[in-house]
Amino acid sequence: VVMMGMGEPLANFDAVVAAMSLMLEDLAYMISK
């Protein structure tokens, strides 16, 4: 997964970080860091 679509991810810091934590979460998507 790349945060590379519409927008600047670091300008939406908290929501992006929370979403990425779900991408990495073993109980969710379990994608490697």
PDB file of all heavy atoms in Angstrom:
ATOM      1  N   VAL A   1       0.860  -1.184   0.000  1.00  0.00           N
ATOM      2  CA  VAL A   1       0.000   0.000   0.000  1.00  0.00           C
ATOM      3  C   VAL A   1       0.893   1.229   0.000  1.00  0.00           C
ATOM      4  O   VAL A   1       1.841   1.312   0.791  1.00  0.00           O
ATOM      5  CB  VAL A   1      -0.932   0.039   1.226  1.00  0.00           C
ATOM      6  CG1 VAL A   1      -1.737   1.346   1.238  1.00  0.00           C
ATOM      7  CG2 VAL A   1      -1.878  -1.149   1.227  1.00  0.00           C
ATOM      8  N   VAL A   2       0.607   2.158  -0.901  1.00  0.00           N
ATOM      9  CA  VAL A   2       1.361   3.406  -0.937  1.00  0.00           C
ATOM     10  C   VAL A   2       0.395   4.569  -0.719  1.00  0.00           C
ATOM     11  O   VAL A   2      -0.626   4.673  -1.393  1.00  0.00           O
ATOM     12  CB  VAL A   2       2.137   3.582  -2.265  1.00  0.00           C
ATOM     13  CG1 VAL A   2       3.291   2.604  -2.330  1.00  0.00           C
ATOM     14  CG2 VAL A   2       1.244   3.405  -3.474  1.00  0.00           C
ATOM     15  N   MET A   3       0.726   5.427   0.247  1.00  0.00           N
ATOM     16  CA  MET A   3      -0.037   6.653   0.460  1.00  0.00           C
ATOM     17  C   MET A   3       0.461   7.665  -0.567  1.00  0.00           C
ATOM     18  O   MET A   3       1.265   8.538  -0.277  1.00  0.00           O
ATOM     19  CB  MET A   3       0.174   7.158   1.892  1.00  0.00           C
ATOM     20  CG  MET A   3      -0.286   6.215   2.980  1.00  0.00           C
ATOM     21  SD  MET A   3      -2.058   5.859   2.939  1.00  0.00           S
ATOM     22  CE  MET A   3      -2.771   7.485   2.899  1.00  0.00           C
ATOM     23  N   MET A   4      -0.044   7.514  -1.802  1.00  0.00           N
ATOM     24  CA  MET A   4       0.502   8.257  -2.926  1.00  0.00           C
ATOM     25  C   MET A   4      -0.612   8.702  -3.869  1.00  0.00           C
ATOM     26  O   MET A   4      -0.376   9.032  -5.016  1.00  0.00           O
ATOM     27  CB  MET A   4       1.514   7.381  -3.672  1.00  0.00           C
ATOM     28  CG  MET A   4       2.533   8.110  -4.536  1.00  0.00           C
ATOM     29  SD  MET A   4       3.659   6.949  -5.362  1.00  0.00           S
ATOM     30  CE  MET A   4       4.618   6.293  -4.001  1.00  0.00           C
ATOM     31  N   GLY A   5      -1.864   8.645  -3.388  1.00  0.00           N
ATOM     32  CA  GLY A   5      -2.980   9.071  -4.214  1.00  0.00           C
ATOM     33  C   GLY A   5      -3.211  10.564  -4.064  1.00  0.00           C
ATOM     34  O   GLY A   5      -2.275  11.351  -3.907  1.00  0.00           O
ATOM     35  N   MET A   6      -4.466  10.972  -4.125  1.00  0.00           N
ATOM     36  CA  MET A   6      -4.799  12.386  -3.985  1.00  0.00           C
ATOM     37  C   MET A   6      -4.391  12.890  -2.610  1.00  0.00           C
ATOM     38  O   MET A   6      -4.642  12.234  -1.590  1.00  0.00           O
ATOM     39  CB  MET A   6      -6.298  12.583  -4.176  1.00  0.00           C
ATOM     40  CG  MET A   6      -6.822  12.234  -5.559  1.00  0.00           C
ATOM     41  SD  MET A   6      -8.627  12.239  -5.661  1.00  0.00           S
ATOM     42  CE  MET A   6      -8.973  13.982  -5.386  1.00  0.00           C
ATOM     43  N   GLY A   7      -3.749  14.077  -2.559  1.00  0.00           N
ATOM     44  CA  GLY A   7      -3.463  14.722  -1.289  1.00  0.00           C
ATOM     45  C   GLY A   7      -2.049  14.515  -0.788  1.00  0.00           C
ATOM     46  O   GLY A   7      -1.295  13.684  -1.295  1.00  0.00           O
ATOM     47  N   GLU A   8      -1.695  15.290   0.223  1.00  0.00           N
ATOM     48  CA  GLU A   8      -0.409  15.202   0.917  1.00  0.00           C
ATOM     49  C   GLU A   8      -0.643  14.507   2.255  1.00  0.00           C
ATOM     50  O   GLU A   8      -1.260  15.078   3.167  1.00  0.00           O
ATOM     51  CB  GLU A   8       0.164  16.607   1.133  1.00  0.00           C
ATOM     52  CG  GLU A   8       1.281  16.708   2.157  1.00  0.00           C
ATOM     53  CD  GLU A   8       2.465  15.791   1.894  1.00  0.00           C
ATOM     54  OE1 GLU A   8       3.066  15.900   0.810  1.00  0.00           O
ATOM     55  OE2 GLU A   8       2.780  14.970   2.785  1.00  0.00           O
ATOM     56  N   PRO A   9      -0.173  13.262   2.404  1.00  0.00           N
ATOM     57  CA  PRO A   9      -0.460  12.498   3.624  1.00  0.00           C
ATOM     58  C   PRO A   9      -0.045  13.191   4.920  1.00  0.00           C
ATOM     59  O   PRO A   9      -0.757  13.122   5.923  1.00  0.00           O
ATOM     60  CB  PRO A   9       0.318  11.190   3.418  1.00  0.00           C
ATOM     61  CG  PRO A   9       0.441  11.067   1.943  1.00  0.00           C
ATOM     62  CD  PRO A   9       0.571  12.461   1.416  1.00  0.00           C
ATOM     63  N   LEU A  10       1.113  13.857   4.925  1.00  0.00           N
ATOM     64  CA  LEU A  10       1.591  14.475   6.163  1.00  0.00           C
ATOM     65  C   LEU A  10       0.799  15.718   6.539  1.00  0.00           C
ATOM     66  O   LEU A  10       0.915  16.216   7.662  1.00  0.00           O
ATOM     67  CB  LEU A  10       3.078  14.816   6.055  1.00  0.00           C
ATOM     68  CG  LEU A  10       4.024  13.607   6.019  1.00  0.00           C
ATOM     69  CD1 LEU A  10       5.477  14.068   5.980  1.00  0.00           C
ATOM     70  CD2 LEU A  10       3.789  12.672   7.207  1.00  0.00           C
ATOM     71  N   ALA A  11      -0.049  16.209   5.635  1.00  0.00           N
ATOM     72  CA  ALA A  11      -0.955  17.312   5.967  1.00  0.00           C
ATOM     73  C   ALA A  11      -2.240  16.799   6.614  1.00  0.00           C
ATOM     74  O   ALA A  11      -3.078  17.596   7.043  1.00  0.00           O
ATOM     75  CB  ALA A  11      -1.275  18.127   4.720  1.00  0.00           C
ATOM     76  N   ASN A  12      -2.393  15.496   6.687  1.00  0.00           N
ATOM     77  CA  ASN A  12      -3.530  14.853   7.360  1.00  0.00           C
ATOM     78  C   ASN A  12      -2.970  13.810   8.313  1.00  0.00           C
ATOM     79  O   ASN A  12      -3.310  12.628   8.264  1.00  0.00           O
ATOM     80  CB  ASN A  12      -4.457  14.218   6.313  1.00  0.00           C
ATOM     81  CG  ASN A  12      -5.739  13.665   6.913  1.00  0.00           C
ATOM     82  OD1 ASN A  12      -6.097  13.983   8.049  1.00  0.00           O
ATOM     83  ND2 ASN A  12      -6.434  12.831   6.154  1.00  0.00           N
ATOM     84  N   PHE A  13      -2.090  14.254   9.184  1.00  0.00           N
ATOM     85  CA  PHE A  13      -1.171  13.399   9.920  1.00  0.00           C
ATOM     86  C   PHE A  13      -1.891  12.333  10.757  1.00  0.00           C
ATOM     87  O   PHE A  13      -1.635  11.131  10.604  1.00  0.00           O
ATOM     88  CB  PHE A  13      -0.283  14.258  10.826  1.00  0.00           C
ATOM     89  CG  PHE A  13       0.866  13.512  11.444  1.00  0.00           C
ATOM     90  CD1 PHE A  13       2.107  13.469  10.828  1.00  0.00           C
ATOM     91  CD2 PHE A  13       0.710  12.838  12.654  1.00  0.00           C
ATOM     92  CE1 PHE A  13       3.162  12.775  11.384  1.00  0.00           C
ATOM     93  CE2 PHE A  13       1.761  12.146  13.229  1.00  0.00           C
ATOM     94  CZ  PHE A  13       2.995  12.109  12.593  1.00  0.00           C
ATOM     95  N   ASP A  14      -2.765  12.734  11.665  1.00  0.00           N
ATOM     96  CA  ASP A  14      -3.338  11.795  12.633  1.00  0.00           C
ATOM     97  C   ASP A  14      -4.164  10.703  11.948  1.00  0.00           C
ATOM     98  O   ASP A  14      -4.060   9.521  12.301  1.00  0.00           O
ATOM     99  CB  ASP A  14      -4.186  12.542  13.665  1.00  0.00           C
ATOM    100  CG  ASP A  14      -3.351  13.429  14.585  1.00  0.00           C
ATOM    101  OD1 ASP A  14      -2.142  13.154  14.736  1.00  0.00           O
ATOM    102  OD2 ASP A  14      -3.899  14.397  15.134  1.00  0.00           O
ATOM    103  N   ALA A  15      -4.995  11.088  10.998  1.00  0.00           N
ATOM    104  CA  ALA A  15      -5.834  10.101  10.317  1.00  0.00           C
ATOM    105  C   ALA A  15      -4.990   9.129   9.497  1.00  0.00           C
ATOM    106  O   ALA A  15      -5.271   7.930   9.457  1.00  0.00           O
ATOM    107  CB  ALA A  15      -6.854  10.806   9.427  1.00  0.00           C
ATOM    108  N   VAL A  16      -3.953   9.640   8.858  1.00  0.00           N
ATOM    109  CA  VAL A  16      -3.071   8.782   8.049  1.00  0.00           C
ATOM    110  C   VAL A  16      -2.316   7.792   8.929  1.00  0.00           C
ATOM    111  O   VAL A  16      -2.232   6.600   8.614  1.00  0.00           O
ATOM    112  CB  VAL A  16      -2.097   9.642   7.217  1.00  0.00           C
ATOM    113  CG1 VAL A  16      -0.954   8.800   6.657  1.00  0.00           C
ATOM    114  CG2 VAL A  16      -2.845  10.331   6.085  1.00  0.00           C
ATOM    115  N   VAL A  17      -1.771   8.264  10.047  1.00  0.00           N
ATOM    116  CA  VAL A  17      -1.031   7.375  10.947  1.00  0.00           C
ATOM    117  C   VAL A  17      -1.955   6.284  11.499  1.00  0.00           C
ATOM    118  O   VAL A  17      -1.578   5.104  11.566  1.00  0.00           O
ATOM    119  CB  VAL A  17      -0.371   8.180  12.081  1.00  0.00           C
ATOM    120  CG1 VAL A  17       0.157   7.261  13.180  1.00  0.00           C
ATOM    121  CG2 VAL A  17       0.772   9.032  11.528  1.00  0.00           C
ATOM    122  N   ALA A  18      -3.173   6.658  11.885  1.00  0.00           N
ATOM    123  CA  ALA A  18      -4.120   5.669  12.409  1.00  0.00           C
ATOM    124  C   ALA A  18      -4.483   4.643  11.337  1.00  0.00           C
ATOM    125  O   ALA A  18      -4.573   3.438  11.622  1.00  0.00           O
ATOM    126  CB  ALA A  18      -5.375   6.370  12.919  1.00  0.00           C
ATOM    127  N   ALA A  19      -4.681   5.097  10.103  1.00  0.00           N
ATOM    128  CA  ALA A  19      -5.014   4.168   9.017  1.00  0.00           C
ATOM    129  C   ALA A  19      -3.845   3.230   8.725  1.00  0.00           C
ATOM    130  O   ALA A  19      -4.040   2.033   8.498  1.00  0.00           O
ATOM    131  CB  ALA A  19      -5.398   4.954   7.763  1.00  0.00           C
ATOM    132  N   MET A  20      -2.621   3.761   8.745  1.00  0.00           N
ATOM    133  CA  MET A  20      -1.463   2.903   8.486  1.00  0.00           C
ATOM    134  C   MET A  20      -1.290   1.876   9.592  1.00  0.00           C
ATOM    135  O   MET A  20      -0.857   0.742   9.333  1.00  0.00           O
ATOM    136  CB  MET A  20      -0.203   3.748   8.319  1.00  0.00           C
ATOM    137  CG  MET A  20      -0.188   4.590   7.058  1.00  0.00           C
ATOM    138  SD  MET A  20       1.428   5.343   6.648  1.00  0.00           S
ATOM    139  CE  MET A  20       1.782   6.265   8.152  1.00  0.00           C
ATOM    140  N   SER A  21      -1.632   2.234  10.834  1.00  0.00           N
ATOM    141  CA  SER A  21      -1.530   1.258  11.925  1.00  0.00           C
ATOM    142  C   SER A  21      -2.483   0.091  11.691  1.00  0.00           C
ATOM    143  O   SER A  21      -2.167  -1.059  12.036  1.00  0.00           O
ATOM    144  CB  SER A  21      -1.812   1.928  13.271  1.00  0.00           C
ATOM    145  OG  SER A  21      -3.193   2.169  13.459  1.00  0.00           O
ATOM    146  N   LEU A  22      -3.635   0.355  11.087  1.00  0.00           N
ATOM    147  CA  LEU A  22      -4.562  -0.722  10.752  1.00  0.00           C
ATOM    148  C   LEU A  22      -4.029  -1.571   9.609  1.00  0.00           C
ATOM    149  O   LEU A  22      -4.232  -2.789   9.577  1.00  0.00           O
ATOM    150  CB  LEU A  22      -5.931  -0.141  10.372  1.00  0.00           C
ATOM    151  CG  LEU A  22      -6.775   0.370  11.537  1.00  0.00           C
ATOM    152  CD1 LEU A  22      -7.940   1.221  11.040  1.00  0.00           C
ATOM    153  CD2 LEU A  22      -7.290  -0.794  12.380  1.00  0.00           C
ATOM    154  N   MET A  23      -3.335  -0.967   8.658  1.00  0.00           N
ATOM    155  CA  MET A  23      -2.721  -1.741   7.569  1.00  0.00           C
ATOM    156  C   MET A  23      -1.707  -2.730   8.115  1.00  0.00           C
ATOM    157  O   MET A  23      -1.591  -3.871   7.642  1.00  0.00           O
ATOM    158  CB  MET A  23      -2.049  -0.803   6.570  1.00  0.00           C
ATOM    159  CG  MET A  23      -2.987   0.163   5.867  1.00  0.00           C
ATOM    160  SD  MET A  23      -2.076   1.357   4.849  1.00  0.00           S
ATOM    161  CE  MET A  23      -3.284   2.675   4.664  1.00  0.00           C
ATOM    162  N   LEU A  24      -0.957  -2.312   9.140  1.00  0.00           N
ATOM    163  CA  LEU A  24       0.095  -3.152   9.720  1.00  0.00           C
ATOM    164  C   LEU A  24      -0.444  -4.152  10.732  1.00  0.00           C
ATOM    165  O   LEU A  24       0.221  -5.149  11.037  1.00  0.00           O
ATOM    166  CB  LEU A  24       1.142  -2.265  10.411  1.00  0.00           C
ATOM    167  CG  LEU A  24       1.820  -1.179   9.578  1.00  0.00           C
ATOM    168  CD1 LEU A  24       2.743  -0.343  10.452  1.00  0.00           C
ATOM    169  CD2 LEU A  24       2.600  -1.775   8.421  1.00  0.00           C
ATOM    170  N   GLU A  25      -1.627  -3.897  11.275  1.00  0.00           N
ATOM    171  CA  GLU A  25      -2.177  -4.672  12.387  1.00  0.00           C
ATOM    172  C   GLU A  25      -2.407  -6.143  12.010  1.00  0.00           C
ATOM    173  O   GLU A  25      -3.025  -6.462  10.999  1.00  0.00           O
ATOM    174  CB  GLU A  25      -3.505  -4.025  12.821  1.00  0.00           C
ATOM    175  CG  GLU A  25      -4.319  -4.806  13.826  1.00  0.00           C
ATOM    176  CD  GLU A  25      -3.545  -5.093  15.102  1.00  0.00           C
ATOM    177  OE1 GLU A  25      -3.006  -4.145  15.699  1.00  0.00           O
ATOM    178  OE2 GLU A  25      -3.486  -6.280  15.486  1.00  0.00           O
ATOM    179  N   ASP A  26      -1.907  -7.056  12.853  1.00  0.00           N
ATOM    180  CA  ASP A  26      -2.042  -8.486  12.599  1.00  0.00           C
ATOM    181  C   ASP A  26      -3.500  -8.928  12.544  1.00  0.00           C
ATOM    182  O   ASP A  26      -3.843  -9.883  11.831  1.00  0.00           O
ATOM    183  CB  ASP A  26      -1.314  -9.292  13.672  1.00  0.00           C
ATOM    184  CG  ASP A  26       0.199  -9.226  13.531  1.00  0.00           C
ATOM    185  OD1 ASP A  26       0.665  -8.705  12.494  1.00  0.00           O
ATOM    186  OD2 ASP A  26       0.910  -9.667  14.450  1.00  0.00           O
ATOM    187  N   LEU A  27      -4.386  -8.274  13.303  1.00  0.00           N
ATOM    188  CA  LEU A  27      -5.796  -8.633  13.314  1.00  0.00           C
ATOM    189  C   LEU A  27      -6.568  -8.009  12.162  1.00  0.00           C
ATOM    190  O   LEU A  27      -7.771  -8.262  12.012  1.00  0.00           O
ATOM    191  CB  LEU A  27      -6.436  -8.209  14.643  1.00  0.00           C
ATOM    192  CG  LEU A  27      -5.882  -8.868  15.899  1.00  0.00           C
ATOM    193  CD1 LEU A  27      -6.518  -8.281  17.148  1.00  0.00           C
ATOM    194  CD2 LEU A  27      -6.106 -10.383  15.860  1.00  0.00           C
ATOM    195  N   ALA A  28      -5.891  -7.202  11.352  1.00  0.00           N
ATOM    196  CA  ALA A  28      -6.559  -6.537  10.231  1.00  0.00           C
ATOM    197  C   ALA A  28      -5.925  -7.000   8.918  1.00  0.00           C
ATOM    198  O   ALA A  28      -6.196  -8.098   8.441  1.00  0.00           O
ATOM    199  CB  ALA A  28      -6.496  -5.022  10.402  1.00  0.00           C
ATOM    200  N   TYR A  29      -5.005  -6.199   8.360  1.00  0.00           N
ATOM    201  CA  TYR A  29      -4.477  -6.509   7.030  1.00  0.00           C
ATOM    202  C   TYR A  29      -3.096  -7.159   7.069  1.00  0.00           C
ATOM    203  O   TYR A  29      -2.673  -7.770   6.086  1.00  0.00           O
ATOM    204  CB  TYR A  29      -4.457  -5.239   6.171  1.00  0.00           C
ATOM    205  CG  TYR A  29      -5.844  -4.657   6.046  1.00  0.00           C
ATOM    206  CD1 TYR A  29      -6.287  -3.670   6.933  1.00  0.00           C
ATOM    207  CD2 TYR A  29      -6.739  -5.141   5.111  1.00  0.00           C
ATOM    208  CE1 TYR A  29      -7.575  -3.174   6.856  1.00  0.00           C
ATOM    209  CE2 TYR A  29      -8.029  -4.651   5.023  1.00  0.00           C
ATOM    210  CZ  TYR A  29      -8.442  -3.665   5.910  1.00  0.00           C
ATOM    211  OH  TYR A  29      -9.720  -3.191   5.848  1.00  0.00           O
ATOM    212  N   MET A  30      -2.379  -6.986   8.159  1.00  0.00           N
ATOM    213  CA  MET A  30      -1.117  -7.692   8.391  1.00  0.00           C
ATOM    214  C   MET A  30      -0.121  -7.476   7.245  1.00  0.00           C
ATOM    215  O   MET A  30       0.543  -8.399   6.789  1.00  0.00           O
ATOM    216  CB  MET A  30      -1.368  -9.184   8.620  1.00  0.00           C
ATOM    217  CG  MET A  30      -0.254  -9.893   9.379  1.00  0.00           C
ATOM    218  SD  MET A  30      -0.749 -11.541   9.976  1.00  0.00           S
ATOM    219  CE  MET A  30      -1.050 -12.398   8.426  1.00  0.00           C
ATOM    220  N   ILE A  31      -0.023  -6.234   6.763  1.00  0.00           N
ATOM    221  CA  ILE A  31       0.933  -5.903   5.714  1.00  0.00           C
ATOM    222  C   ILE A  31       2.265  -5.540   6.367  1.00  0.00           C
ATOM    223  O   ILE A  31       2.294  -4.837   7.382  1.00  0.00           O
ATOM    224  CB  ILE A  31       0.415  -4.740   4.850  1.00  0.00           C
ATOM    225  CG1 ILE A  31      -0.959  -5.089   4.262  1.00  0.00           C
ATOM    226  CG2 ILE A  31       1.389  -4.413   3.729  1.00  0.00           C
ATOM    227  CD1 ILE A  31      -1.640  -3.937   3.553  1.00  0.00           C
ATOM    228  N   SER A  32       3.356  -5.995   5.812  1.00  0.00           N
ATOM    229  CA  SER A  32       4.672  -5.721   6.370  1.00  0.00           C
ATOM    230  C   SER A  32       4.955  -4.221   6.372  1.00  0.00           C
ATOM    231  O   SER A  32       4.565  -3.497   5.450  1.00  0.00           O
ATOM    232  CB  SER A  32       5.745  -6.451   5.559  1.00  0.00           C
ATOM    233  OG  SER A  32       7.030  -5.954   5.851  1.00  0.00           O
ATOM    234  N   LYS A  33       5.672  -3.759   7.398  1.00  0.00           N
ATOM    235  CA  LYS A  33       6.005  -2.335   7.483  1.00  0.00           C
ATOM    236  C   LYS A  33       6.861  -1.873   6.313  1.00  0.00           C
ATOM    237  O   LYS A  33       6.848  -0.691   5.958  1.00  0.00           O
ATOM    238  CB  LYS A  33       6.717  -2.036   8.803  1.00  0.00           C
ATOM    239  CG  LYS A  33       8.089  -2.688   8.945  1.00  0.00           C
ATOM    240  CD  LYS A  33       8.709  -2.370  10.285  1.00  0.00           C
ATOM    241  CE  LYS A  33      10.119  -2.960  10.399  1.00  0.00           C
ATOM    242  NZ  LYS A  33      10.735  -2.675  11.716  1.00  0.00           N
TER     243      LYS A  33
END
